[in-house]
């Protein structure tokens, strides 16, 4: 079976994982790509939808867009999707730094498996529900 590609937060404050679809202006996560009209369909808050980036952190946690990650030196950053100049990739925007740049978009590389998911940018949305 294929890996779930997206996650989203329901209005009830529950994270759901699966396949993403926007239909008639409403965002849904489905637990199966063949289950479009039956149970297993969850309406989610559009701004909380994040794609699984295809990597796991050092603890085996799947990393999604919108996750806040920490590197071994304690630097933190937000995972986001960037498509520019014909290249599409996931990047990290620095939030805090203990020893300089967390990630330099000019070519400094790191291993996703060295990072740790510590939070997500949607925490305030989740707590307000």
C-alpha atoms as a PDB file:
ATOM      1  CA  UNK A   1       0.000   0.000   0.000  1.00  0.00           C
ATOM      2  CA  UNK A   2       1.211   3.525  -0.739  1.00  0.00           C
ATOM      3  CA  UNK A   3       2.232   5.851   2.052  1.00  0.00           C
ATOM      4  CA  UNK A   4      -0.185   8.564   3.109  1.00  0.00           C
ATOM      5  CA  UNK A   5       0.845  11.753   1.415  1.00  0.00           C
ATOM      6  CA  UNK A   6      -0.958  14.489   3.398  1.00  0.00           C
ATOM      7  CA  UNK A   7      -2.200  15.444   6.830  1.00  0.00           C
ATOM      8  CA  UNK A   8      -4.754  17.998   7.934  1.00  0.00           C
ATOM      9  CA  UNK A   9      -6.485  19.191  11.066  1.00  0.00           C
ATOM     10  CA  UNK A  10     -10.249  18.654  11.353  1.00  0.00           C
ATOM     11  CA  UNK A  11     -12.470  21.286  12.922  1.00  0.00           C
ATOM     12  CA  UNK A  12     -12.716  18.933  15.915  1.00  0.00           C
ATOM     13  CA  UNK A  13      -8.956  19.247  16.463  1.00  0.00           C
ATOM     14  CA  UNK A  14      -8.026  15.774  15.196  1.00  0.00           C
ATOM     15  CA  UNK A  15      -5.073  15.203  12.853  1.00  0.00           C
ATOM     16  CA  UNK A  16      -5.995  12.942   9.944  1.00  0.00           C
ATOM     17  CA  UNK A  17      -3.628  11.412   7.404  1.00  0.00           C
ATOM     18  CA  UNK A  18      -4.304  10.285   3.870  1.00  0.00           C
ATOM     19  CA  UNK A  19      -5.068  11.538   0.395  1.00  0.00           C
ATOM     20  CA  UNK A  20      -5.924  15.178  -0.253  1.00  0.00           C
ATOM     21  CA  UNK A  21      -8.769  16.502  -2.371  1.00  0.00           C
ATOM     22  CA  UNK A  22     -10.425  19.891  -2.727  1.00  0.00           C
ATOM     23  CA  UNK A  23     -14.004  19.634  -3.932  1.00  0.00           C
ATOM     24  CA  UNK A  24     -16.538  22.470  -4.249  1.00  0.00           C
ATOM     25  CA  UNK A  25     -14.301  24.734  -2.175  1.00  0.00           C
ATOM     26  CA  UNK A  26     -13.980  22.280   0.720  1.00  0.00           C
ATOM     27  CA  UNK A  27     -10.722  20.511   1.623  1.00  0.00           C
ATOM     28  CA  UNK A  28     -10.820  16.813   2.470  1.00  0.00           C
ATOM     29  CA  UNK A  29      -8.424  14.108   3.541  1.00  0.00           C
ATOM     30  CA  UNK A  30      -9.483  10.571   2.545  1.00  0.00           C
ATOM     31  CA  UNK A  31      -8.159   7.420   4.170  1.00  0.00           C
ATOM     32  CA  UNK A  32      -8.187   5.709   0.754  1.00  0.00           C
ATOM     33  CA  UNK A  33      -7.933   7.114  -2.770  1.00  0.00           C
ATOM     34  CA  UNK A  34     -10.937   4.944  -3.737  1.00  0.00           C
ATOM     35  CA  UNK A  35     -13.106   6.113  -0.853  1.00  0.00           C
ATOM     36  CA  UNK A  36     -14.258   9.507  -2.131  1.00  0.00           C
ATOM     37  CA  UNK A  37     -17.909   9.340  -1.085  1.00  0.00           C
ATOM     38  CA  UNK A  38     -18.023   6.958   1.863  1.00  0.00           C
ATOM     39  CA  UNK A  39     -16.858   7.075   5.460  1.00  0.00           C
ATOM     40  CA  UNK A  40     -13.178   7.811   5.761  1.00  0.00           C
ATOM     41  CA  UNK A  41     -13.634  11.308   4.357  1.00  0.00           C
ATOM     42  CA  UNK A  42     -12.636  14.126   6.705  1.00  0.00           C
ATOM     43  CA  UNK A  43     -13.161  17.826   6.153  1.00  0.00           C
ATOM     44  CA  UNK A  44      -9.997  19.663   7.178  1.00  0.00           C
ATOM     45  CA  UNK A  45      -8.969  23.261   7.786  1.00  0.00           C
ATOM     46  CA  UNK A  46      -7.307  24.275   4.484  1.00  0.00           C
ATOM     47  CA  UNK A  47      -4.336  26.132   5.970  1.00  0.00           C
ATOM     48  CA  UNK A  48      -3.349  23.072   8.035  1.00  0.00           C
ATOM     49  CA  UNK A  49      -2.913  20.709   5.079  1.00  0.00           C
ATOM     50  CA  UNK A  50       0.698  19.630   4.704  1.00  0.00           C
ATOM     51  CA  UNK A  51       2.322  17.162   2.348  1.00  0.00           C
ATOM     52  CA  UNK A  52       4.510  14.329   3.628  1.00  0.00           C
ATOM     53  CA  UNK A  53       7.985  15.170   2.315  1.00  0.00           C
ATOM     54  CA  UNK A  54       9.148  11.572   1.905  1.00  0.00           C
ATOM     55  CA  UNK A  55      11.589  11.625   4.841  1.00  0.00           C
ATOM     56  CA  UNK A  56      11.438  10.663   8.496  1.00  0.00           C
ATOM     57  CA  UNK A  57      13.210  12.330  11.405  1.00  0.00           C
ATOM     58  CA  UNK A  58      15.757  10.643  13.673  1.00  0.00           C
ATOM     59  CA  UNK A  59      12.916   9.063  15.688  1.00  0.00           C
ATOM     60  CA  UNK A  60      11.113   7.665  12.653  1.00  0.00           C
ATOM     61  CA  UNK A  61       8.423  10.402  12.648  1.00  0.00           C
ATOM     62  CA  UNK A  62       7.208  11.389   9.182  1.00  0.00           C
ATOM     63  CA  UNK A  63       8.096  14.985   8.322  1.00  0.00           C
ATOM     64  CA  UNK A  64       5.324  17.130   6.785  1.00  0.00           C
ATOM     65  CA  UNK A  65       5.099  20.667   5.463  1.00  0.00           C
ATOM     66  CA  UNK A  66       4.504  22.953   8.415  1.00  0.00           C
ATOM     67  CA  UNK A  67       6.532  20.890  10.878  1.00  0.00           C
ATOM     68  CA  UNK A  68       9.031  22.624  13.104  1.00  0.00           C
ATOM     69  CA  UNK A  69      12.268  20.681  13.258  1.00  0.00           C
ATOM     70  CA  UNK A  70      15.416  20.879  15.341  1.00  0.00           C
ATOM     71  CA  UNK A  71      18.915  19.869  14.270  1.00  0.00           C
ATOM     72  CA  UNK A  72      21.531  18.262  16.585  1.00  0.00           C
ATOM     73  CA  UNK A  73      22.923  21.707  17.470  1.00  0.00           C
ATOM     74  CA  UNK A  74      19.547  23.050  18.667  1.00  0.00           C
ATOM     75  CA  UNK A  75      18.751  25.231  15.658  1.00  0.00           C
ATOM     76  CA  UNK A  76      15.072  25.209  14.705  1.00  0.00           C
ATOM     77  CA  UNK A  77      13.253  25.765  11.437  1.00  0.00           C
ATOM     78  CA  UNK A  78       9.946  25.390   9.613  1.00  0.00           C
ATOM     79  CA  UNK A  79       9.584  22.901   6.743  1.00  0.00           C
ATOM     80  CA  UNK A  80       8.015  24.393   3.620  1.00  0.00           C
ATOM     81  CA  UNK A  81       7.569  23.647  -0.087  1.00  0.00           C
ATOM     82  CA  UNK A  82       9.366  25.825  -2.617  1.00  0.00           C
ATOM     83  CA  UNK A  83       9.000  25.769  -6.390  1.00  0.00           C
ATOM     84  CA  UNK A  84      11.170  28.255  -8.249  1.00  0.00           C
ATOM     85  CA  UNK A  85      13.430  28.278 -11.261  1.00  0.00           C
ATOM     86  CA  UNK A  86      12.075  24.963 -12.480  1.00  0.00           C
ATOM     87  CA  UNK A  87      13.047  23.209  -9.240  1.00  0.00           C
ATOM     88  CA  UNK A  88      10.553  22.027  -6.636  1.00  0.00           C
ATOM     89  CA  UNK A  89      11.802  20.934  -3.242  1.00  0.00           C
ATOM     90  CA  UNK A  90      11.185  21.005   0.476  1.00  0.00           C
ATOM     91  CA  UNK A  91      13.265  23.488   2.414  1.00  0.00           C
ATOM     92  CA  UNK A  92      13.663  24.771   5.935  1.00  0.00           C
ATOM     93  CA  UNK A  93      13.145  28.379   6.987  1.00  0.00           C
ATOM     94  CA  UNK A  94      15.196  29.206  10.049  1.00  0.00           C
ATOM     95  CA  UNK A  95      13.276  30.118  13.205  1.00  0.00           C
ATOM     96  CA  UNK A  96      16.075  30.200  15.770  1.00  0.00           C
ATOM     97  CA  UNK A  97      19.791  29.621  15.720  1.00  0.00           C
ATOM     98  CA  UNK A  98      22.377  28.682  18.310  1.00  0.00           C
ATOM     99  CA  UNK A  99      25.405  28.519  16.034  1.00  0.00           C
ATOM    100  CA  UNK A 100      24.650  30.390  12.814  1.00  0.00           C
ATOM    101  CA  UNK A 101      22.613  29.377   9.793  1.00  0.00           C
ATOM    102  CA  UNK A 102      20.287  26.412  10.192  1.00  0.00           C
ATOM    103  CA  UNK A 103      20.099  25.906   6.466  1.00  0.00           C
ATOM    104  CA  UNK A 104      21.590  27.887   3.639  1.00  0.00           C
ATOM    105  CA  UNK A 105      19.541  27.771   0.438  1.00  0.00           C
ATOM    106  CA  UNK A 106      22.765  28.261  -1.496  1.00  0.00           C
ATOM    107  CA  UNK A 107      23.869  24.681  -1.040  1.00  0.00           C
ATOM    108  CA  UNK A 108      24.665  23.727   2.556  1.00  0.00           C
ATOM    109  CA  UNK A 109      23.233  20.242   2.895  1.00  0.00           C
ATOM    110  CA  UNK A 110      21.991  18.277   5.869  1.00  0.00           C
ATOM    111  CA  UNK A 111      20.426  14.878   6.342  1.00  0.00           C
ATOM    112  CA  UNK A 112      16.697  14.855   7.092  1.00  0.00           C
ATOM    113  CA  UNK A 113      17.346  11.847   9.343  1.00  0.00           C
ATOM    114  CA  UNK A 114      19.459  14.030  11.670  1.00  0.00           C
ATOM    115  CA  UNK A 115      16.499  16.315  12.394  1.00  0.00           C
ATOM    116  CA  UNK A 116      13.761  15.933  14.991  1.00  0.00           C
ATOM    117  CA  UNK A 117      10.143  17.048  14.610  1.00  0.00           C
ATOM    118  CA  UNK A 118       9.420  19.116  17.722  1.00  0.00           C
ATOM    119  CA  UNK A 119       6.177  20.921  16.837  1.00  0.00           C
ATOM    120  CA  UNK A 120       4.181  22.286  13.914  1.00  0.00           C
ATOM    121  CA  UNK A 121       3.118  25.761  12.835  1.00  0.00           C
ATOM    122  CA  UNK A 122      -0.542  24.862  13.319  1.00  0.00           C
ATOM    123  CA  UNK A 123      -0.329  24.368  17.088  1.00  0.00           C
ATOM    124  CA  UNK A 124      -2.150  27.652  17.765  1.00  0.00           C
ATOM    125  CA  UNK A 125      -4.992  26.593  15.454  1.00  0.00           C
ATOM    126  CA  UNK A 126      -5.221  23.218  17.189  1.00  0.00           C
ATOM    127  CA  UNK A 127      -5.298  24.758  20.677  1.00  0.00           C
ATOM    128  CA  UNK A 128      -7.983  27.299  19.727  1.00  0.00           C
ATOM    129  CA  UNK A 129     -10.473  24.586  18.700  1.00  0.00           C
END
